[in-house]
Amino acid sequence: MTTTAPEHSAALGYVDPYAVDAAGTFWPDPAGSGRGTDHLLPPPDPAQRLDLALSPRDHRRLDLHAALTMAGIPPRPEDRDAIDQLSALSGSVNAALQRWLHHPR
């Protein structure tokens, strides 16, 4: 049995996205990004932001996700219902949960 390699009509070049030139800037620069930047998108325009406020429950839910992740317990998709139920509790209960999660071991 013989194996065949895929044939290409042209040589494919490899570009290391983490390569830096002698000046310490990333090479190649993304089009229109300017020298020395490492992002492809322009910074956000504050005038285009949506004027929406999070509800206290959503704020507690996001805080609980962050606290669990920082404690080394990243929430799984099946934990969503439990986190939603905990977020529905009062702010003092949520503060106690976060204090327990941040307690040094």
N, C-alpha and C. Protein backbone atom coordinates (compact mmCIF):
# COMPACT_ATOMS: atom_id res chain seq x y z
N MET A 1 0.85 -1.16 0.00
CA MET A 1 0.00 0.00 0.00
C MET A 1 0.90 1.23 0.00
N THR A 2 0.56 2.16 -0.83
CA THR A 2 1.33 3.39 -0.89
C THR A 2 0.46 4.55 -0.43
N THR A 3 1.10 5.50 0.17
CA THR A 3 0.37 6.69 0.59
C THR A 3 0.74 7.82 -0.34
N THR A 4 -0.20 8.67 -0.59
CA THR A 4 0.08 9.80 -1.46
C THR A 4 -0.11 11.08 -0.69
N ALA A 5 0.74 12.01 -0.95
CA ALA A 5 0.62 13.33 -0.33
C ALA A 5 -0.27 14.19 -1.21
N PRO A 6 -1.06 15.07 -0.59
CA PRO A 6 -1.88 15.94 -1.43
C PRO A 6 -0.97 16.84 -2.28
N GLU A 7 -1.37 16.99 -3.52
CA GLU A 7 -0.56 17.80 -4.42
C GLU A 7 -1.11 19.21 -4.46
N HIS A 8 -0.22 20.17 -4.43
CA HIS A 8 -0.59 21.58 -4.51
C HIS A 8 0.09 22.18 -5.72
N SER A 9 -0.63 23.04 -6.39
CA SER A 9 -0.05 23.65 -7.58
C SER A 9 0.94 24.75 -7.23
N ALA A 10 0.75 25.37 -6.08
CA ALA A 10 1.67 26.44 -5.67
C ALA A 10 2.16 26.16 -4.25
N ALA A 11 3.36 26.60 -3.99
CA ALA A 11 3.92 26.42 -2.64
C ALA A 11 3.16 27.34 -1.68
N LEU A 12 2.76 26.79 -0.56
CA LEU A 12 2.05 27.58 0.45
C LEU A 12 3.06 28.13 1.44
N GLY A 13 2.99 29.40 1.68
CA GLY A 13 3.90 30.02 2.63
C GLY A 13 3.31 29.99 4.03
N TYR A 14 4.14 29.94 5.02
CA TYR A 14 3.71 29.96 6.41
C TYR A 14 4.08 31.30 7.01
N VAL A 15 3.14 31.93 7.65
CA VAL A 15 3.41 33.20 8.31
C VAL A 15 3.18 32.99 9.80
N ASP A 16 4.19 33.25 10.59
CA ASP A 16 4.08 33.14 12.03
C ASP A 16 3.38 34.38 12.57
N PRO A 17 2.17 34.24 13.13
CA PRO A 17 1.45 35.43 13.60
C PRO A 17 2.11 36.09 14.81
N TYR A 18 3.06 35.42 15.45
CA TYR A 18 3.71 35.97 16.63
C TYR A 18 5.13 36.47 16.34
N ALA A 19 5.51 36.48 15.08
CA ALA A 19 6.84 36.94 14.71
C ALA A 19 6.94 38.45 14.91
N VAL A 20 8.09 38.89 15.38
CA VAL A 20 8.33 40.32 15.55
C VAL A 20 9.56 40.71 14.75
N ASP A 21 9.56 41.95 14.28
CA ASP A 21 10.72 42.40 13.53
C ASP A 21 11.76 42.97 14.49
N ALA A 22 12.83 43.53 13.95
CA ALA A 22 13.93 44.02 14.77
C ALA A 22 13.49 45.15 15.69
N ALA A 23 12.46 45.91 15.31
CA ALA A 23 11.98 47.02 16.15
C ALA A 23 11.06 46.53 17.26
N GLY A 24 10.75 45.23 17.27
CA GLY A 24 9.89 44.68 18.31
C GLY A 24 8.41 44.83 18.02
N THR A 25 8.07 45.16 16.78
CA THR A 25 6.67 45.27 16.41
C THR A 25 6.24 44.00 15.68
N PHE A 26 4.97 43.73 15.72
CA PHE A 26 4.45 42.53 15.06
C PHE A 26 4.56 42.67 13.56
N TRP A 27 4.87 41.56 12.92
CA TRP A 27 4.95 41.54 11.48
C TRP A 27 4.11 40.40 10.96
N PRO A 28 3.36 40.48 9.93
CA PRO A 28 3.06 41.70 9.20
C PRO A 28 1.97 42.49 9.91
N ASP A 29 2.00 43.79 9.75
CA ASP A 29 0.97 44.63 10.35
C ASP A 29 -0.36 44.37 9.65
N PRO A 30 -1.45 44.23 10.41
CA PRO A 30 -2.75 44.12 9.76
C PRO A 30 -3.04 45.38 8.96
N ALA A 31 -3.74 45.22 7.89
CA ALA A 31 -4.03 46.36 7.00
C ALA A 31 -4.77 47.44 7.76
N GLY A 32 -4.22 48.64 7.72
CA GLY A 32 -4.87 49.79 8.32
C GLY A 32 -4.75 49.89 9.82
N SER A 33 -3.95 49.02 10.45
CA SER A 33 -3.88 49.07 11.91
C SER A 33 -2.77 49.97 12.41
N GLY A 34 -1.82 50.30 11.56
CA GLY A 34 -0.71 51.14 12.00
C GLY A 34 0.40 50.30 12.61
N ARG A 35 1.56 50.89 12.73
CA ARG A 35 2.71 50.15 13.27
C ARG A 35 2.58 49.98 14.78
N GLY A 36 3.00 48.82 15.25
CA GLY A 36 3.08 48.59 16.68
C GLY A 36 1.78 48.18 17.35
N THR A 37 0.75 47.93 16.60
CA THR A 37 -0.50 47.49 17.23
C THR A 37 -0.63 45.99 17.05
N ASP A 38 -1.35 45.36 17.91
CA ASP A 38 -1.53 43.93 17.80
C ASP A 38 -2.99 43.54 17.74
N HIS A 39 -3.85 44.43 17.34
CA HIS A 39 -5.27 44.10 17.23
C HIS A 39 -5.74 44.42 15.82
N LEU A 40 -6.77 43.70 15.39
CA LEU A 40 -7.28 43.88 14.04
C LEU A 40 -8.44 44.85 13.99
N LEU A 41 -9.11 45.07 15.08
CA LEU A 41 -10.27 45.94 15.11
C LEU A 41 -9.93 47.29 15.71
N PRO A 42 -10.58 48.34 15.25
CA PRO A 42 -10.34 49.65 15.87
C PRO A 42 -10.95 49.67 17.26
N PRO A 43 -10.52 50.58 18.13
CA PRO A 43 -11.12 50.66 19.46
C PRO A 43 -12.60 51.03 19.36
N PRO A 44 -13.41 50.61 20.32
CA PRO A 44 -14.84 50.89 20.25
C PRO A 44 -15.12 52.38 20.35
N ASP A 45 -16.19 52.80 19.69
CA ASP A 45 -16.62 54.19 19.72
C ASP A 45 -17.67 54.34 20.83
N PRO A 46 -17.38 55.11 21.89
CA PRO A 46 -18.34 55.26 22.99
C PRO A 46 -19.69 55.79 22.54
N ALA A 47 -19.74 56.56 21.46
CA ALA A 47 -21.01 57.11 20.99
C ALA A 47 -21.92 56.03 20.41
N GLN A 48 -21.36 54.88 20.03
CA GLN A 48 -22.16 53.81 19.44
C GLN A 48 -22.60 52.76 20.46
N ARG A 49 -22.25 52.94 21.70
CA ARG A 49 -22.64 51.96 22.73
C ARG A 49 -24.14 52.02 22.99
N LEU A 50 -24.69 50.89 23.30
CA LEU A 50 -26.11 50.84 23.65
C LEU A 50 -26.30 51.35 25.07
N ASP A 51 -27.35 52.07 25.27
CA ASP A 51 -27.63 52.63 26.60
C ASP A 51 -28.57 51.68 27.35
N LEU A 52 -28.04 50.53 27.73
CA LEU A 52 -28.81 49.52 28.45
C LEU A 52 -28.16 49.25 29.80
N ALA A 53 -28.98 49.12 30.80
CA ALA A 53 -28.47 48.80 32.13
C ALA A 53 -28.83 47.35 32.46
N LEU A 54 -27.93 46.68 33.16
CA LEU A 54 -28.21 45.31 33.59
C LEU A 54 -29.13 45.33 34.79
N SER A 55 -30.00 44.35 34.84
CA SER A 55 -30.84 44.21 36.02
C SER A 55 -29.96 43.70 37.17
N PRO A 56 -30.37 43.95 38.41
CA PRO A 56 -29.56 43.45 39.53
C PRO A 56 -29.36 41.93 39.48
N ARG A 57 -30.38 41.21 39.03
CA ARG A 57 -30.27 39.75 38.94
C ARG A 57 -29.20 39.35 37.91
N ASP A 58 -29.19 40.02 36.74
CA ASP A 58 -28.18 39.71 35.73
C ASP A 58 -26.79 40.09 36.22
N HIS A 59 -26.70 41.19 36.95
CA HIS A 59 -25.41 41.61 37.50
C HIS A 59 -24.90 40.58 38.50
N ARG A 60 -25.78 40.08 39.37
CA ARG A 60 -25.38 39.04 40.33
C ARG A 60 -24.99 37.75 39.62
N ARG A 61 -25.69 37.41 38.53
CA ARG A 61 -25.38 36.20 37.77
C ARG A 61 -23.98 36.30 37.17
N LEU A 62 -23.66 37.44 36.56
CA LEU A 62 -22.33 37.62 35.98
C LEU A 62 -21.25 37.64 37.06
N ASP A 63 -21.53 38.28 38.19
CA ASP A 63 -20.57 38.29 39.30
C ASP A 63 -20.32 36.88 39.83
N LEU A 64 -21.39 36.07 39.90
CA LEU A 64 -21.23 34.71 40.39
C LEU A 64 -20.42 33.87 39.40
N HIS A 65 -20.67 34.03 38.11
CA HIS A 65 -19.85 33.34 37.10
C HIS A 65 -18.38 33.70 37.26
N ALA A 66 -18.10 35.00 37.42
CA ALA A 66 -16.71 35.45 37.57
C ALA A 66 -16.09 34.92 38.85
N ALA A 67 -16.83 34.95 39.95
CA ALA A 67 -16.30 34.47 41.23
C ALA A 67 -16.00 32.98 41.18
N LEU A 68 -16.89 32.20 40.57
CA LEU A 68 -16.64 30.76 40.45
C LEU A 68 -15.41 30.49 39.59
N THR A 69 -15.28 31.21 38.50
CA THR A 69 -14.14 31.01 37.60
C THR A 69 -12.84 31.40 38.30
N MET A 70 -12.84 32.52 39.03
CA MET A 70 -11.64 32.94 39.75
C MET A 70 -11.28 31.97 40.86
N ALA A 71 -12.26 31.29 41.42
CA ALA A 71 -12.00 30.32 42.48
C ALA A 71 -11.54 28.97 41.92
N GLY A 72 -11.44 28.88 40.59
CA GLY A 72 -10.99 27.63 39.98
C GLY A 72 -12.11 26.65 39.75
N ILE A 73 -13.35 27.13 39.76
CA ILE A 73 -14.52 26.28 39.55
C ILE A 73 -15.28 26.84 38.35
N PRO A 74 -14.79 26.67 37.14
CA PRO A 74 -15.49 27.24 36.00
C PRO A 74 -16.86 26.59 35.82
N PRO A 75 -17.91 27.39 35.71
CA PRO A 75 -19.25 26.83 35.57
C PRO A 75 -19.39 26.05 34.27
N ARG A 76 -20.08 24.95 34.35
CA ARG A 76 -20.38 24.13 33.18
C ARG A 76 -21.75 24.53 32.64
N PRO A 77 -22.04 24.18 31.41
CA PRO A 77 -23.36 24.53 30.85
C PRO A 77 -24.52 23.98 31.67
N GLU A 78 -24.35 22.82 32.28
CA GLU A 78 -25.43 22.24 33.07
C GLU A 78 -25.62 22.94 34.42
N ASP A 79 -24.70 23.83 34.78
CA ASP A 79 -24.81 24.61 36.02
C ASP A 79 -25.63 25.88 35.85
N ARG A 80 -26.08 26.14 34.64
CA ARG A 80 -26.76 27.41 34.36
C ARG A 80 -28.02 27.59 35.20
N ASP A 81 -28.81 26.54 35.34
CA ASP A 81 -30.05 26.65 36.12
C ASP A 81 -29.75 26.96 37.58
N ALA A 82 -28.75 26.31 38.15
CA ALA A 82 -28.39 26.56 39.54
C ALA A 82 -27.90 27.99 39.73
N ILE A 83 -27.10 28.48 38.79
CA ILE A 83 -26.60 29.86 38.89
C ILE A 83 -27.75 30.85 38.75
N ASP A 84 -28.70 30.56 37.84
CA ASP A 84 -29.86 31.43 37.69
C ASP A 84 -30.69 31.48 38.98
N GLN A 85 -30.85 30.34 39.63
CA GLN A 85 -31.61 30.30 40.88
C GLN A 85 -30.89 31.06 41.99
N LEU A 86 -29.57 30.89 42.07
CA LEU A 86 -28.80 31.61 43.09
C LEU A 86 -28.81 33.12 42.82
N SER A 87 -28.83 33.50 41.56
CA SER A 87 -28.84 34.92 41.21
C SER A 87 -30.18 35.58 41.55
N ALA A 88 -31.22 34.78 41.66
CA ALA A 88 -32.54 35.32 42.00
C ALA A 88 -32.63 35.65 43.49
N LEU A 89 -31.71 35.13 44.30
CA LEU A 89 -31.72 35.42 45.73
C LEU A 89 -31.25 36.86 45.98
N SER A 90 -31.38 37.32 47.18
CA SER A 90 -31.05 38.71 47.49
C SER A 90 -29.57 39.00 47.31
N GLY A 91 -29.24 40.28 47.26
CA GLY A 91 -27.86 40.70 47.11
C GLY A 91 -26.98 40.28 48.27
N SER A 92 -27.55 40.21 49.48
CA SER A 92 -26.74 39.81 50.64
C SER A 92 -26.35 38.33 50.55
N VAL A 93 -27.26 37.49 50.03
CA VAL A 93 -26.93 36.07 49.84
C VAL A 93 -25.84 35.94 48.79
N ASN A 94 -25.95 36.70 47.71
CA ASN A 94 -24.94 36.66 46.66
C ASN A 94 -23.59 37.14 47.18
N ALA A 95 -23.60 38.18 48.02
CA ALA A 95 -22.35 38.69 48.60
C ALA A 95 -21.71 37.64 49.50
N ALA A 96 -22.52 36.90 50.25
CA ALA A 96 -21.98 35.84 51.11
C ALA A 96 -21.37 34.73 50.26
N LEU A 97 -22.04 34.34 49.18
CA LEU A 97 -21.49 33.31 48.29
C LEU A 97 -20.14 33.73 47.72
N GLN A 98 -20.07 34.97 47.28
CA GLN A 98 -18.81 35.45 46.71
C GLN A 98 -17.72 35.55 47.77
N ARG A 99 -18.09 35.94 49.00
CA ARG A 99 -17.11 36.00 50.07
C ARG A 99 -16.58 34.61 50.37
N TRP A 100 -17.46 33.61 50.38
CA TRP A 100 -17.02 32.24 50.62
C TRP A 100 -16.09 31.75 49.52
N LEU A 101 -16.40 32.13 48.26
CA LEU A 101 -15.57 31.69 47.15
C LEU A 101 -14.21 32.37 47.15
N HIS A 102 -14.14 33.61 47.63
CA HIS A 102 -12.89 34.36 47.63
C HIS A 102 -12.04 34.09 48.87
N HIS A 103 -12.58 33.34 49.83
CA HIS A 103 -11.86 33.06 51.07
C HIS A 103 -10.59 32.27 50.75
N PRO A 104 -9.44 32.73 51.27
CA PRO A 104 -8.19 32.00 50.98
C PRO A 104 -8.22 30.62 51.61
N ARG A 105 -7.66 29.70 50.90
CA ARG A 105 -7.64 28.30 51.36
C ARG A 105 -6.44 28.05 52.24
